[in-house]
PDB file of N, CA and C in Angstrom:
ATOM      1  N   MET A   1      46.940  18.303  25.845  1.00  0.00           N
ATOM      2  CA  MET A   1      45.815  19.021  25.317  1.00  0.00           C
ATOM      3  C   MET A   1      45.088  18.225  24.243  1.00  0.00           C
ATOM      4  N   ASP A   2      45.662  17.147  23.804  1.00  0.00           N
ATOM      5  CA  ASP A   2      45.068  16.321  22.758  1.00  0.00           C
ATOM      6  C   ASP A   2      43.793  15.645  23.235  1.00  0.00           C
ATOM      7  N   TRP A   3      43.705  15.332  24.512  1.00  0.00           N
ATOM      8  CA  TRP A   3      42.522  14.659  25.044  1.00  0.00           C
ATOM      9  C   TRP A   3      41.300  15.571  25.030  1.00  0.00           C
ATOM     10  N   VAL A   4      41.486  16.896  25.131  1.00  0.00           N
ATOM     11  CA  VAL A   4      40.362  17.833  25.096  1.00  0.00           C
ATOM     12  C   VAL A   4      39.698  17.787  23.727  1.00  0.00           C
ATOM     13  N   THR A   5      40.483  17.752  22.671  1.00  0.00           N
ATOM     14  CA  THR A   5      39.953  17.710  21.318  1.00  0.00           C
ATOM     15  C   THR A   5      39.194  16.405  21.075  1.00  0.00           C
ATOM     16  N   ASP A   6      39.753  15.290  21.541  1.00  0.00           N
ATOM     17  CA  ASP A   6      39.093  14.002  21.363  1.00  0.00           C
ATOM     18  C   ASP A   6      37.774  13.941  22.123  1.00  0.00           C
ATOM     19  N   GLU A   7      37.749  14.489  23.332  1.00  0.00           N
ATOM     20  CA  GLU A   7      36.528  14.503  24.121  1.00  0.00           C
ATOM     21  C   GLU A   7      35.465  15.375  23.462  1.00  0.00           C
ATOM     22  N   TRP A   8      35.850  16.531  22.951  1.00  0.00           N
ATOM     23  CA  TRP A   8      34.923  17.431  22.286  1.00  0.00           C
ATOM     24  C   TRP A   8      34.340  16.767  21.047  1.00  0.00           C
ATOM     25  N   TYR A   9      35.187  16.072  20.279  1.00  0.00           N
ATOM     26  CA  TYR A   9      34.733  15.386  19.066  1.00  0.00           C
ATOM     27  C   TYR A   9      33.740  14.300  19.436  1.00  0.00           C
ATOM     28  N   GLU A  10      34.031  13.528  20.473  1.00  0.00           N
ATOM     29  CA  GLU A  10      33.142  12.450  20.890  1.00  0.00           C
ATOM     30  C   GLU A  10      31.815  13.009  21.382  1.00  0.00           C
ATOM     31  N   LEU A  11      31.866  14.095  22.137  1.00  0.00           N
ATOM     32  CA  LEU A  11      30.649  14.713  22.630  1.00  0.00           C
ATOM     33  C   LEU A  11      29.804  15.239  21.472  1.00  0.00           C
ATOM     34  N   THR A  12      30.427  15.869  20.517  1.00  0.00           N
ATOM     35  CA  THR A  12      29.712  16.402  19.366  1.00  0.00           C
ATOM     36  C   THR A  12      29.118  15.274  18.522  1.00  0.00           C
ATOM     37  N   PHE A  13      29.866  14.200  18.324  1.00  0.00           N
ATOM     38  CA  PHE A  13      29.370  13.067  17.553  1.00  0.00           C
ATOM     39  C   PHE A  13      28.179  12.435  18.252  1.00  0.00           C
ATOM     40  N   ASN A  14      28.261  12.280  19.578  1.00  0.00           N
ATOM     41  CA  ASN A  14      27.146  11.701  20.325  1.00  0.00           C
ATOM     42  C   ASN A  14      25.911  12.592  20.269  1.00  0.00           C
ATOM     43  N   GLN A  15      26.105  13.898  20.350  1.00  0.00           N
ATOM     44  CA  GLN A  15      24.976  14.814  20.243  1.00  0.00           C
ATOM     45  C   GLN A  15      24.363  14.755  18.852  1.00  0.00           C
ATOM     46  N   LEU A  16      25.204  14.717  17.835  1.00  0.00           N
ATOM     47  CA  LEU A  16      24.721  14.631  16.459  1.00  0.00           C
ATOM     48  C   LEU A  16      23.925  13.351  16.249  1.00  0.00           C
ATOM     49  N   LEU A  17      24.439  12.253  16.763  1.00  0.00           N
ATOM     50  CA  LEU A  17      23.749  10.972  16.660  1.00  0.00           C
ATOM     51  C   LEU A  17      22.416  11.011  17.403  1.00  0.00           C
ATOM     52  N   SER A  18      22.401  11.649  18.542  1.00  0.00           N
ATOM     53  CA  SER A  18      21.169  11.775  19.324  1.00  0.00           C
ATOM     54  C   SER A  18      20.137  12.618  18.578  1.00  0.00           C
ATOM     55  N   TYR A  19      20.566  13.723  17.981  1.00  0.00           N
ATOM     56  CA  TYR A  19      19.646  14.570  17.219  1.00  0.00           C
ATOM     57  C   TYR A  19      19.116  13.845  15.993  1.00  0.00           C
ATOM     58  N   MET A  20      19.957  13.080  15.341  1.00  0.00           N
ATOM     59  CA  MET A  20      19.517  12.322  14.165  1.00  0.00           C
ATOM     60  C   MET A  20      18.497  11.261  14.561  1.00  0.00           C
ATOM     61  N   ALA A  21      18.728  10.597  15.693  1.00  0.00           N
ATOM     62  CA  ALA A  21      17.776   9.593  16.168  1.00  0.00           C
ATOM     63  C   ALA A  21      16.440  10.243  16.525  1.00  0.00           C
ATOM     64  N   SER A  22      16.506  11.402  17.157  1.00  0.00           N
ATOM     65  CA  SER A  22      15.271  12.110  17.507  1.00  0.00           C
ATOM     66  C   SER A  22      14.513  12.530  16.248  1.00  0.00           C
ATOM     67  N   ALA A  23      15.229  13.015  15.248  1.00  0.00           N
ATOM     68  CA  ALA A  23      14.588  13.402  13.985  1.00  0.00           C
ATOM     69  C   ALA A  23      13.957  12.184  13.314  1.00  0.00           C
ATOM     70  N   GLY A  24      14.626  11.044  13.399  1.00  0.00           N
ATOM     71  CA  GLY A  24      14.066   9.813  12.838  1.00  0.00           C
ATOM     72  C   GLY A  24      12.785   9.405  13.542  1.00  0.00           C
ATOM     73  N   ILE A  25      12.755   9.577  14.849  1.00  0.00           N
ATOM     74  CA  ILE A  25      11.551   9.252  15.617  1.00  0.00           C
ATOM     75  C   ILE A  25      10.423  10.215  15.263  1.00  0.00           C
ATOM     76  N   ILE A  26      10.760  11.501  15.180  1.00  0.00           N
ATOM     77  CA  ILE A  26       9.737  12.518  14.941  1.00  0.00           C
ATOM     78  C   ILE A  26       9.115  12.385  13.554  1.00  0.00           C
ATOM     79  N   PHE A  27       9.943  12.229  12.532  1.00  0.00           N
ATOM     80  CA  PHE A  27       9.440  12.247  11.151  1.00  0.00           C
ATOM     81  C   PHE A  27       9.280  10.854  10.531  1.00  0.00           C
ATOM     82  N   GLY A  28       9.744   9.822  11.210  1.00  0.00           N
ATOM     83  CA  GLY A  28       9.696   8.470  10.652  1.00  0.00           C
ATOM     84  C   GLY A  28       8.295   7.954  10.392  1.00  0.00           C
ATOM     85  N   GLY A  29       7.340   8.343  11.205  1.00  0.00           N
ATOM     86  CA  GLY A  29       5.976   7.868  11.014  1.00  0.00           C
ATOM     87  C   GLY A  29       5.255   8.545   9.865  1.00  0.00           C
ATOM     88  N   VAL A  30       5.696   9.731   9.495  1.00  0.00           N
ATOM     89  CA  VAL A  30       5.025  10.504   8.459  1.00  0.00           C
ATOM     90  C   VAL A  30       5.567  10.194   7.072  1.00  0.00           C
ATOM     91  N   VAL A  31       6.810   9.806   7.000  1.00  0.00           N
ATOM     92  CA  VAL A  31       7.488   9.596   5.710  1.00  0.00           C
ATOM     93  C   VAL A  31       6.716   8.654   4.773  1.00  0.00           C
ATOM     94  N   PRO A  32       6.168   7.534   5.237  1.00  0.00           N
ATOM     95  CA  PRO A  32       5.443   6.650   4.300  1.00  0.00           C
ATOM     96  C   PRO A  32       4.196   7.277   3.688  1.00  0.00           C
ATOM     97  N   TYR A  33       3.660   8.305   4.305  1.00  0.00           N
ATOM     98  CA  TYR A  33       2.446   8.918   3.784  1.00  0.00           C
ATOM     99  C   TYR A  33       2.724   9.963   2.708  1.00  0.00           C
ATOM    100  N   ILE A  34       3.963  10.384   2.556  1.00  0.00           N
ATOM    101  CA  ILE A  34       4.296  11.380   1.535  1.00  0.00           C
ATOM    102  C   ILE A  34       4.051  10.840   0.125  1.00  0.00           C
ATOM    103  N   PRO A  35       4.576   9.646  -0.244  1.00  0.00           N
ATOM    104  CA  PRO A  35       4.255   9.127  -1.587  1.00  0.00           C
ATOM    105  C   PRO A  35       2.767   8.822  -1.770  1.00  0.00           C
ATOM    106  N   GLN A  36       2.114   8.389  -0.693  1.00  0.00           N
ATOM    107  CA  GLN A  36       0.674   8.110  -0.766  1.00  0.00           C
ATOM    108  C   GLN A  36      -0.091   9.389  -1.068  1.00  0.00           C
ATOM    109  N   TYR A  37       0.274  10.477  -0.401  1.00  0.00           N
ATOM    110  CA  TYR A  37      -0.368  11.776  -0.629  1.00  0.00           C
ATOM    111  C   TYR A  37      -0.164  12.215  -2.074  1.00  0.00           C
ATOM    112  N   LYS A  38       1.070  12.095  -2.564  1.00  0.00           N
ATOM    113  CA  LYS A  38       1.365  12.496  -3.948  1.00  0.00           C
ATOM    114  C   LYS A  38       0.585  11.659  -4.951  1.00  0.00           C
ATOM    115  N   GLN A  39       0.489  10.348  -4.695  1.00  0.00           N
ATOM    116  CA  GLN A  39      -0.222   9.465  -5.614  1.00  0.00           C
ATOM    117  C   GLN A  39      -1.711   9.809  -5.660  1.00  0.00           C
ATOM    118  N   ILE A  40      -2.310  10.044  -4.504  1.00  0.00           N
ATOM    119  CA  ILE A  40      -3.728  10.385  -4.472  1.00  0.00           C
ATOM    120  C   ILE A  40      -3.966  11.725  -5.168  1.00  0.00           C
ATOM    121  N   LYS A  41      -3.084  12.668  -4.941  1.00  0.00           N
ATOM    122  CA  LYS A  41      -3.236  13.991  -5.543  1.00  0.00           C
ATOM    123  C   LYS A  41      -3.081  13.939  -7.058  1.00  0.00           C
ATOM    124  N   GLU A  42      -2.109  13.167  -7.555  1.00  0.00           N
ATOM    125  CA  GLU A  42      -1.882  13.080  -8.997  1.00  0.00           C
ATOM    126  C   GLU A  42      -2.964  12.283  -9.707  1.00  0.00           C
ATOM    127  N   SER A  43      -3.364  11.166  -9.131  1.00  0.00           N
ATOM    128  CA  SER A  43      -4.366  10.319  -9.785  1.00  0.00           C
ATOM    129  C   SER A  43      -5.790  10.804  -9.531  1.00  0.00           C
ATOM    130  N   GLU A  44      -5.961  11.671  -8.546  1.00  0.00           N
ATOM    131  CA  GLU A  44      -7.270  12.170  -8.151  1.00  0.00           C
ATOM    132  C   GLU A  44      -8.229  11.034  -7.840  1.00  0.00           C
ATOM    133  N   SER A  45      -7.691  10.015  -7.199  1.00  0.00           N
ATOM    134  CA  SER A  45      -8.483   8.877  -6.781  1.00  0.00           C
ATOM    135  C   SER A  45      -7.945   8.371  -5.438  1.00  0.00           C
ATOM    136  N   ALA A  46      -8.840   8.248  -4.474  1.00  0.00           N
ATOM    137  CA  ALA A  46      -8.453   7.757  -3.155  1.00  0.00           C
ATOM    138  C   ALA A  46      -8.807   6.287  -2.984  1.00  0.00           C
ATOM    139  N   ASP A  47      -9.040   5.596  -4.104  1.00  0.00           N
ATOM    140  CA  ASP A  47      -9.376   4.174  -4.037  1.00  0.00           C
ATOM    141  C   ASP A  47      -8.215   3.401  -3.416  1.00  0.00           C
ATOM    142  N   GLY A  48      -8.545   2.530  -2.492  1.00  0.00           N
ATOM    143  CA  GLY A  48      -7.536   1.704  -1.848  1.00  0.00           C
ATOM    144  C   GLY A  48      -6.944   2.334  -0.606  1.00  0.00           C
ATOM    145  N   PHE A  49      -7.258   3.576  -0.330  1.00  0.00           N
ATOM    146  CA  PHE A  49      -6.745   4.227   0.874  1.00  0.00           C
ATOM    147  C   PHE A  49      -7.860   4.272   1.905  1.00  0.00           C
ATOM    148  N   SER A  50      -7.586   3.766   3.084  1.00  0.00           N
ATOM    149  CA  SER A  50      -8.601   3.688   4.127  1.00  0.00           C
ATOM    150  C   SER A  50      -8.535   4.906   5.046  1.00  0.00           C
ATOM    151  N   THR A  51      -9.613   5.638   5.098  1.00  0.00           N
ATOM    152  CA  THR A  51      -9.674   6.759   6.038  1.00  0.00           C
ATOM    153  C   THR A  51      -9.869   6.263   7.465  1.00  0.00           C
ATOM    154  N   TYR A  52     -10.266   5.000   7.627  1.00  0.00           N
ATOM    155  CA  TYR A  52     -10.384   4.436   8.970  1.00  0.00           C
ATOM    156  C   TYR A  52      -9.014   4.300   9.632  1.00  0.00           C
ATOM    157  N   VAL A  53      -7.997   4.042   8.830  1.00  0.00           N
ATOM    158  CA  VAL A  53      -6.634   3.988   9.365  1.00  0.00           C
ATOM    159  C   VAL A  53      -6.234   5.369   9.870  1.00  0.00           C
ATOM    160  N   CYS A  54      -6.576   6.406   9.107  1.00  0.00           N
ATOM    161  CA  CYS A  54      -6.306   7.781   9.543  1.00  0.00           C
ATOM    162  C   CYS A  54      -7.031   8.073  10.852  1.00  0.00           C
ATOM    163  N   LEU A  55      -8.277   7.628  10.949  1.00  0.00           N
ATOM    164  CA  LEU A  55      -9.047   7.838  12.168  1.00  0.00           C
ATOM    165  C   LEU A  55      -8.386   7.150  13.357  1.00  0.00           C
ATOM    166  N   ALA A  56      -7.974   5.914  13.173  1.00  0.00           N
ATOM    167  CA  ALA A  56      -7.330   5.175  14.260  1.00  0.00           C
ATOM    168  C   ALA A  56      -6.022   5.851  14.688  1.00  0.00           C
ATOM    169  N   LEU A  57      -5.231   6.307  13.718  1.00  0.00           N
ATOM    170  CA  LEU A  57      -3.978   6.988  14.053  1.00  0.00           C
ATOM    171  C   LEU A  57      -4.235   8.336  14.713  1.00  0.00           C
ATOM    172  N   LEU A  58      -5.247   9.049  14.260  1.00  0.00           N
ATOM    173  CA  LEU A  58      -5.602  10.309  14.911  1.00  0.00           C
ATOM    174  C   LEU A  58      -5.973  10.087  16.376  1.00  0.00           C
ATOM    175  N   LEU A  59      -6.820   9.107  16.619  1.00  0.00           N
ATOM    176  CA  LEU A  59      -7.236   8.821  17.998  1.00  0.00           C
ATOM    177  C   LEU A  59      -6.055   8.388  18.862  1.00  0.00           C
ATOM    178  N   ALA A  60      -5.205   7.529  18.331  1.00  0.00           N
ATOM    179  CA  ALA A  60      -4.044   7.057  19.096  1.00  0.00           C
ATOM    180  C   ALA A  60      -3.098   8.202  19.437  1.00  0.00           C
ATOM    181  N   ASN A  61      -2.860   9.078  18.481  1.00  0.00           N
ATOM    182  CA  ASN A  61      -1.945  10.189  18.735  1.00  0.00           C
ATOM    183  C   ASN A  61      -2.561  11.260  19.628  1.00  0.00           C
ATOM    184  N   ILE A  62      -3.861  11.464  19.532  1.00  0.00           N
ATOM    185  CA  ILE A  62      -4.530  12.383  20.450  1.00  0.00           C
ATOM    186  C   ILE A  62      -4.450  11.855  21.876  1.00  0.00           C
ATOM    187  N   LEU A  63      -4.667  10.555  22.040  1.00  0.00           N
ATOM    188  CA  LEU A  63      -4.548   9.960  23.372  1.00  0.00           C
ATOM    189  C   LEU A  63      -3.130  10.067  23.910  1.00  0.00           C
ATOM    190  N   ARG A  64      -2.142   9.900  23.040  1.00  0.00           N
ATOM    191  CA  ARG A  64      -0.758  10.034  23.477  1.00  0.00           C
ATOM    192  C   ARG A  64      -0.465  11.457  23.939  1.00  0.00           C
ATOM    193  N   ILE A  65      -0.978  12.443  23.209  1.00  0.00           N
ATOM    194  CA  ILE A  65      -0.783  13.846  23.600  1.00  0.00           C
ATOM    195  C   ILE A  65      -1.473  14.118  24.933  1.00  0.00           C
ATOM    196  N   LEU A  66      -2.693  13.623  25.097  1.00  0.00           N
ATOM    197  CA  LEU A  66      -3.402  13.812  26.364  1.00  0.00           C
ATOM    198  C   LEU A  66      -2.676  13.111  27.513  1.00  0.00           C
ATOM    199  N   PHE A  67      -2.109  11.954  27.252  1.00  0.00           N
ATOM    200  CA  PHE A  67      -1.354  11.241  28.271  1.00  0.00           C
ATOM    201  C   PHE A  67      -0.130  12.042  28.698  1.00  0.00           C
ATOM    202  N   TRP A  68       0.451  12.791  27.758  1.00  0.00           N
ATOM    203  CA  TRP A  68       1.638  13.587  28.059  1.00  0.00           C
ATOM    204  C   TRP A  68       1.349  14.635  29.132  1.00  0.00           C
ATOM    205  N   PHE A  69       0.131  15.179  29.140  1.00  0.00           N
ATOM    206  CA  PHE A  69      -0.216  16.171  30.154  1.00  0.00           C
ATOM    207  C   PHE A  69      -0.265  15.552  31.548  1.00  0.00           C
ATOM    208  N   GLY A  70      -0.597  14.289  31.640  1.00  0.00           N
ATOM    209  CA  GLY A  70      -0.634  13.616  32.938  1.00  0.00           C
ATOM    210  C   GLY A  70       0.727  13.152  33.405  1.00  0.00           C
ATOM    211  N   ARG A  71       1.513  12.647  32.487  1.00  0.00           N
ATOM    212  CA  ARG A  71       2.841  12.142  32.834  1.00  0.00           C
ATOM    213  C   ARG A  71       3.761  12.397  31.646  1.00  0.00           C
ATOM    214  N   HIS A  72       4.670  13.321  31.800  1.00  0.00           N
ATOM    215  CA  HIS A  72       5.552  13.725  30.705  1.00  0.00           C
ATOM    216  C   HIS A  72       6.464  12.569  30.281  1.00  0.00           C
ATOM    217  N   PHE A  73       6.621  12.417  28.996  1.00  0.00           N
ATOM    218  CA  PHE A  73       7.559  11.459  28.422  1.00  0.00           C
ATOM    219  C   PHE A  73       8.463  12.221  27.472  1.00  0.00           C
ATOM    220  N   GLU A  74       9.263  11.515  26.706  1.00  0.00           N
ATOM    221  CA  GLU A  74      10.251  12.176  25.856  1.00  0.00           C
ATOM    222  C   GLU A  74       9.599  13.113  24.848  1.00  0.00           C
ATOM    223  N   THR A  75      10.238  14.251  24.666  1.00  0.00           N
ATOM    224  CA  THR A  75       9.725  15.287  23.763  1.00  0.00           C
ATOM    225  C   THR A  75       9.626  14.820  22.307  1.00  0.00           C
ATOM    226  N   PRO A  76      10.583  14.039  21.777  1.00  0.00           N
ATOM    227  CA  PRO A  76      10.422  13.587  20.387  1.00  0.00           C
ATOM    228  C   PRO A  76       9.141  12.785  20.152  1.00  0.00           C
ATOM    229  N   LEU A  77       8.699  12.025  21.141  1.00  0.00           N
ATOM    230  CA  LEU A  77       7.454  11.271  20.976  1.00  0.00           C
ATOM    231  C   LEU A  77       6.245  12.199  20.952  1.00  0.00           C
ATOM    232  N   LEU A  78       6.295  13.252  21.747  1.00  0.00           N
ATOM    233  CA  LEU A  78       5.219  14.238  21.718  1.00  0.00           C
ATOM    234  C   LEU A  78       5.187  14.951  20.370  1.00  0.00           C
ATOM    235  N   LEU A  79       6.351  15.354  19.877  1.00  0.00           N
ATOM    236  CA  LEU A  79       6.422  16.012  18.571  1.00  0.00           C
ATOM    237  C   LEU A  79       5.978  15.077  17.456  1.00  0.00           C
ATOM    238  N   GLN A  80       6.312  13.793  17.577  1.00  0.00           N
ATOM    239  CA  GLN A  80       5.871  12.822  16.580  1.00  0.00           C
ATOM    240  C   GLN A  80       4.347  12.764  16.535  1.00  0.00           C
ATOM    241  N   SER A  81       3.702  12.780  17.684  1.00  0.00           N
ATOM    242  CA  SER A  81       2.244  12.726  17.730  1.00  0.00           C
ATOM    243  C   SER A  81       1.619  13.966  17.102  1.00  0.00           C
ATOM    244  N   ILE A  82       2.204  15.125  17.377  1.00  0.00           N
ATOM    245  CA  ILE A  82       1.673  16.363  16.817  1.00  0.00           C
ATOM    246  C   ILE A  82       1.809  16.363  15.291  1.00  0.00           C
ATOM    247  N   ILE A  83       2.978  15.986  14.796  1.00  0.00           N
ATOM    248  CA  ILE A  83       3.217  15.962  13.347  1.00  0.00           C
ATOM    249  C   ILE A  83       2.371  14.886  12.680  1.00  0.00           C
ATOM    250  N   MET A  84       2.207  13.761  13.343  1.00  0.00           N
ATOM    251  CA  MET A  84       1.391  12.688  12.789  1.00  0.00           C
ATOM    252  C   MET A  84      -0.073  13.117  12.692  1.00  0.00           C
ATOM    253  N   ASN A  85      -0.568  13.845  13.696  1.00  0.00           N
ATOM    254  CA  ASN A  85      -1.938  14.359  13.623  1.00  0.00           C
ATOM    255  C   ASN A  85      -2.102  15.323  12.461  1.00  0.00           C
ATOM    256  N   LEU A  86      -1.139  16.202  12.268  1.00  0.00           N
ATOM    257  CA  LEU A  86      -1.203  17.127  11.135  1.00  0.00           C
ATOM    258  C   LEU A  86      -1.206  16.368   9.810  1.00  0.00           C
ATOM    259  N   ALA A  87      -0.371  15.340   9.708  1.00  0.00           N
ATOM    260  CA  ALA A  87      -0.307  14.552   8.471  1.00  0.00           C
ATOM    261  C   ALA A  87      -1.624  13.818   8.219  1.00  0.00           C
ATOM    262  N   MET A  88      -2.217  13.252   9.256  1.00  0.00           N
ATOM    263  CA  MET A  88      -3.475  12.530   9.085  1.00  0.00           C
ATOM    264  C   MET A  88      -4.616  13.477   8.719  1.00  0.00           C
ATOM    265  N   ILE A  89      -4.602  14.680   9.277  1.00  0.00           N
ATOM    266  CA  ILE A  89      -5.625  15.666   8.907  1.00  0.00           C
ATOM    267  C   ILE A  89      -5.467  16.057   7.445  1.00  0.00           C
ATOM    268  N   LEU A  90      -4.228  16.232   6.990  1.00  0.00           N
ATOM    269  CA  LEU A  90      -3.990  16.543   5.573  1.00  0.00           C
ATOM    270  C   LEU A  90      -4.437  15.400   4.666  1.00  0.00           C
ATOM    271  N   MET A  91      -4.168  14.158   5.073  1.00  0.00           N
ATOM    272  CA  MET A  91      -4.571  13.002   4.265  1.00  0.00           C
ATOM    273  C   MET A  91      -6.092  12.903   4.181  1.00  0.00           C
ATOM    274  N   ILE A  92      -6.762  13.087   5.308  1.00  0.00           N
ATOM    275  CA  ILE A  92      -8.225  13.015   5.301  1.00  0.00           C
ATOM    276  C   ILE A  92      -8.816  14.148   4.464  1.00  0.00           C
ATOM    277  N   GLU A  93      -8.232  15.342   4.597  1.00  0.00           N
ATOM    278  CA  GLU A  93      -8.710  16.484   3.809  1.00  0.00           C
ATOM    279  C   GLU A  93      -8.570  16.206   2.316  1.00  0.00           C
ATOM    280  N   LEU A  94      -7.433  15.642   1.912  1.00  0.00           N
ATOM    281  CA  LEU A  94      -7.219  15.313   0.505  1.00  0.00           C
ATOM    282  C   LEU A  94      -8.209  14.254   0.034  1.00  0.00           C
ATOM    283  N   CYS A  95      -8.412  13.224   0.832  1.00  0.00           N
ATOM    284  CA  CYS A  95      -9.339  12.157   0.439  1.00  0.00           C
ATOM    285  C   CYS A  95     -10.765  12.681   0.309  1.00  0.00           C
ATOM    286  N   VAL A  96     -11.186  13.525   1.233  1.00  0.00           N
ATOM    287  CA  VAL A  96     -12.538  14.080   1.169  1.00  0.00           C
ATOM    288  C   VAL A  96     -12.675  14.961  -0.070  1.00  0.00           C
ATOM    289  N   ARG A  97     -11.672  15.790  -0.331  1.00  0.00           N
ATOM    290  CA  ARG A  97     -11.718  16.677  -1.500  1.00  0.00           C
ATOM    291  C   ARG A  97     -11.762  15.868  -2.794  1.00  0.00           C
ATOM    292  N   VAL A  98     -10.928  14.838  -2.903  1.00  0.00           N
ATOM    293  CA  VAL A  98     -10.878  14.014  -4.115  1.00  0.00           C
ATOM    294  C   VAL A  98     -12.177  13.234  -4.286  1.00  0.00           C
ATOM    295  N   ASN A  99     -12.677  12.640  -3.203  1.00  0.00           N
ATOM    296  CA  ASN A  99     -13.933  11.880  -3.297  1.00  0.00           C
ATOM    297  C   ASN A  99     -15.102  12.783  -3.646  1.00  0.00           C
ATOM    298  N   HIS A 100     -15.127  13.979  -3.086  1.00  0.00           N
ATOM    299  CA  HIS A 100     -16.203  14.929  -3.406  1.00  0.00           C
ATOM    300  C   HIS A 100     -16.130  15.350  -4.871  1.00  0.00           C
ATOM    301  N   LYS A 101     -14.924  15.596  -5.348  1.00  0.00           N
ATOM    302  CA  LYS A 101     -14.742  15.988  -6.747  1.00  0.00           C
ATOM    303  C   LYS A 101     -15.175  14.864  -7.685  1.00  0.00           C
ATOM    304  N   ASN A 102     -14.848  13.628  -7.340  1.00  0.00           N
ATOM    305  CA  ASN A 102     -15.217  12.484  -8.183  1.00  0.00           C
ATOM    306  C   ASN A 102     -16.721  12.233  -8.179  1.00  0.00           C
ATOM    307  N   GLN A 103     -17.415  12.588  -7.114  1.00  0.00           N
ATOM    308  CA  GLN A 103     -18.858  12.405  -7.069  1.00  0.00           C
ATOM    309  C   GLN A 103     -19.579  13.437  -7.916  1.00  0.00           C
ATOM    310  N   LEU A 104     -18.934  14.560  -8.158  1.00  0.00           N
ATOM    311  CA  LEU A 104     -19.564  15.601  -8.970  1.00  0.00           C
ATOM    312  C   LEU A 104     -19.469  15.335 -10.461  1.00  0.00           C
ATOM    313  N   ILE A 105     -18.590  14.414 -10.872  1.00  0.00           N
ATOM    314  CA  ILE A 105     -18.429  14.086 -12.281  1.00  0.00           C
ATOM    315  C   ILE A 105     -19.610  13.208 -12.702  1.00  0.00           C
ATOM    316  N   PRO A 106     -20.368  13.608 -13.731  1.00  0.00           N
ATOM    317  CA  PRO A 106     -21.575  12.857 -14.114  1.00  0.00           C
ATOM    318  C   PRO A 106     -21.306  11.409 -14.507  1.00  0.00           C
ATOM    319  N   SER A 107     -20.191  11.132 -15.153  1.00  0.00           N
ATOM    320  CA  SER A 107     -19.937   9.763 -15.603  1.00  0.00           C
ATOM    321  C   SER A 107     -19.678   8.816 -14.439  1.00  0.00           C
ATOM    322  N   LYS A 108     -19.320   9.356 -13.299  1.00  0.00           N
ATOM    323  CA  LYS A 108     -19.050   8.518 -12.142  1.00  0.00           C
ATOM    324  C   LYS A 108     -20.324   8.212 -11.353  1.00  0.00           C
ATOM    325  N   ASN A 109     -21.381   8.991 -11.584  1.00  0.00           N
ATOM    326  CA  ASN A 109     -22.615   8.773 -10.836  1.00  0.00           C
ATOM    327  C   ASN A 109     -23.260   7.461 -11.264  1.00  0.00           C
ATOM    328  N   ARG A 110     -23.920   6.836 -10.305  1.00  0.00           N
ATOM    329  CA  ARG A 110     -24.609   5.590 -10.586  1.00  0.00           C
ATOM    330  C   ARG A 110     -26.114   5.864 -10.593  1.00  0.00           C
ATOM    331  N   PHE A 111     -26.759   5.401 -11.616  1.00  0.00           N
ATOM    332  CA  PHE A 111     -28.187   5.587 -11.733  1.00  0.00           C
ATOM    333  C   PHE A 111     -28.872   4.234 -11.572  1.00  0.00           C
ATOM    334  N   PHE A 112     -29.883   4.211 -10.733  1.00  0.00           N
ATOM    335  CA  PHE A 112     -30.638   2.984 -10.531  1.00  0.00           C
ATOM    336  C   PHE A 112     -32.002   3.129 -11.209  1.00  0.00           C
ATOM    337  N   ILE A 113     -32.331   2.137 -11.985  1.00  0.00           N
ATOM    338  CA  ILE A 113     -33.609   2.164 -12.713  1.00  0.00           C
ATOM    339  C   ILE A 113     -34.544   1.168 -12.022  1.00  0.00           C
ATOM    340  N   ALA A 114     -35.665   1.700 -11.626  1.00  0.00           N
ATOM    341  CA  ALA A 114     -36.640   0.850 -10.948  1.00  0.00           C
ATOM    342  C   ALA A 114     -37.365  -0.003 -11.984  1.00  0.00           C
ATOM    343  N   LYS A 115     -37.567  -1.246 -11.658  1.00  0.00           N
ATOM    344  CA  LYS A 115     -38.273  -2.150 -12.551  1.00  0.00           C
ATOM    345  C   LYS A 115     -39.775  -2.048 -12.250  1.00  0.00           C
ATOM    346  N   LEU A 116     -40.522  -1.579 -13.213  1.00  0.00           N
ATOM    347  CA  LEU A 116     -41.954  -1.416 -13.024  1.00  0.00           C
ATOM    348  C   LEU A 116     -42.678  -2.605 -13.624  1.00  0.00           C
ATOM    349  N   ASN A 117     -43.530  -3.223 -12.864  1.00  0.00           N
ATOM    350  CA  ASN A 117     -44.325  -4.357 -13.347  1.00  0.00           C
ATOM    351  C   ASN A 117     -45.768  -4.046 -13.319  1.00  0.00           C
TER     352      ASN A 117
END
């Protein structure tokens, strides 16, 4: 009966390892954006952050989701695309809000004086 316990332990360990790998795939792409989001929110400045990167990632993940409807692939990759799209939408929303707020501050506005001759 000892072999049943060993087999169950091995099966459980393999399943646990598989779930951990899937979680790493699903959330691994979003993790680097968490400190970036916090930094932009705390400093209230989106300087140095490119919204074009967000656009490119949004398009790539939307295409991946659309491709899934034609030919199914692994579910963790589909979930990664969905979560990545949500993260990119949050990042763009934060950048737009911060940039809009900074434009409303009078000291940040730029005034151009026309040279009259």
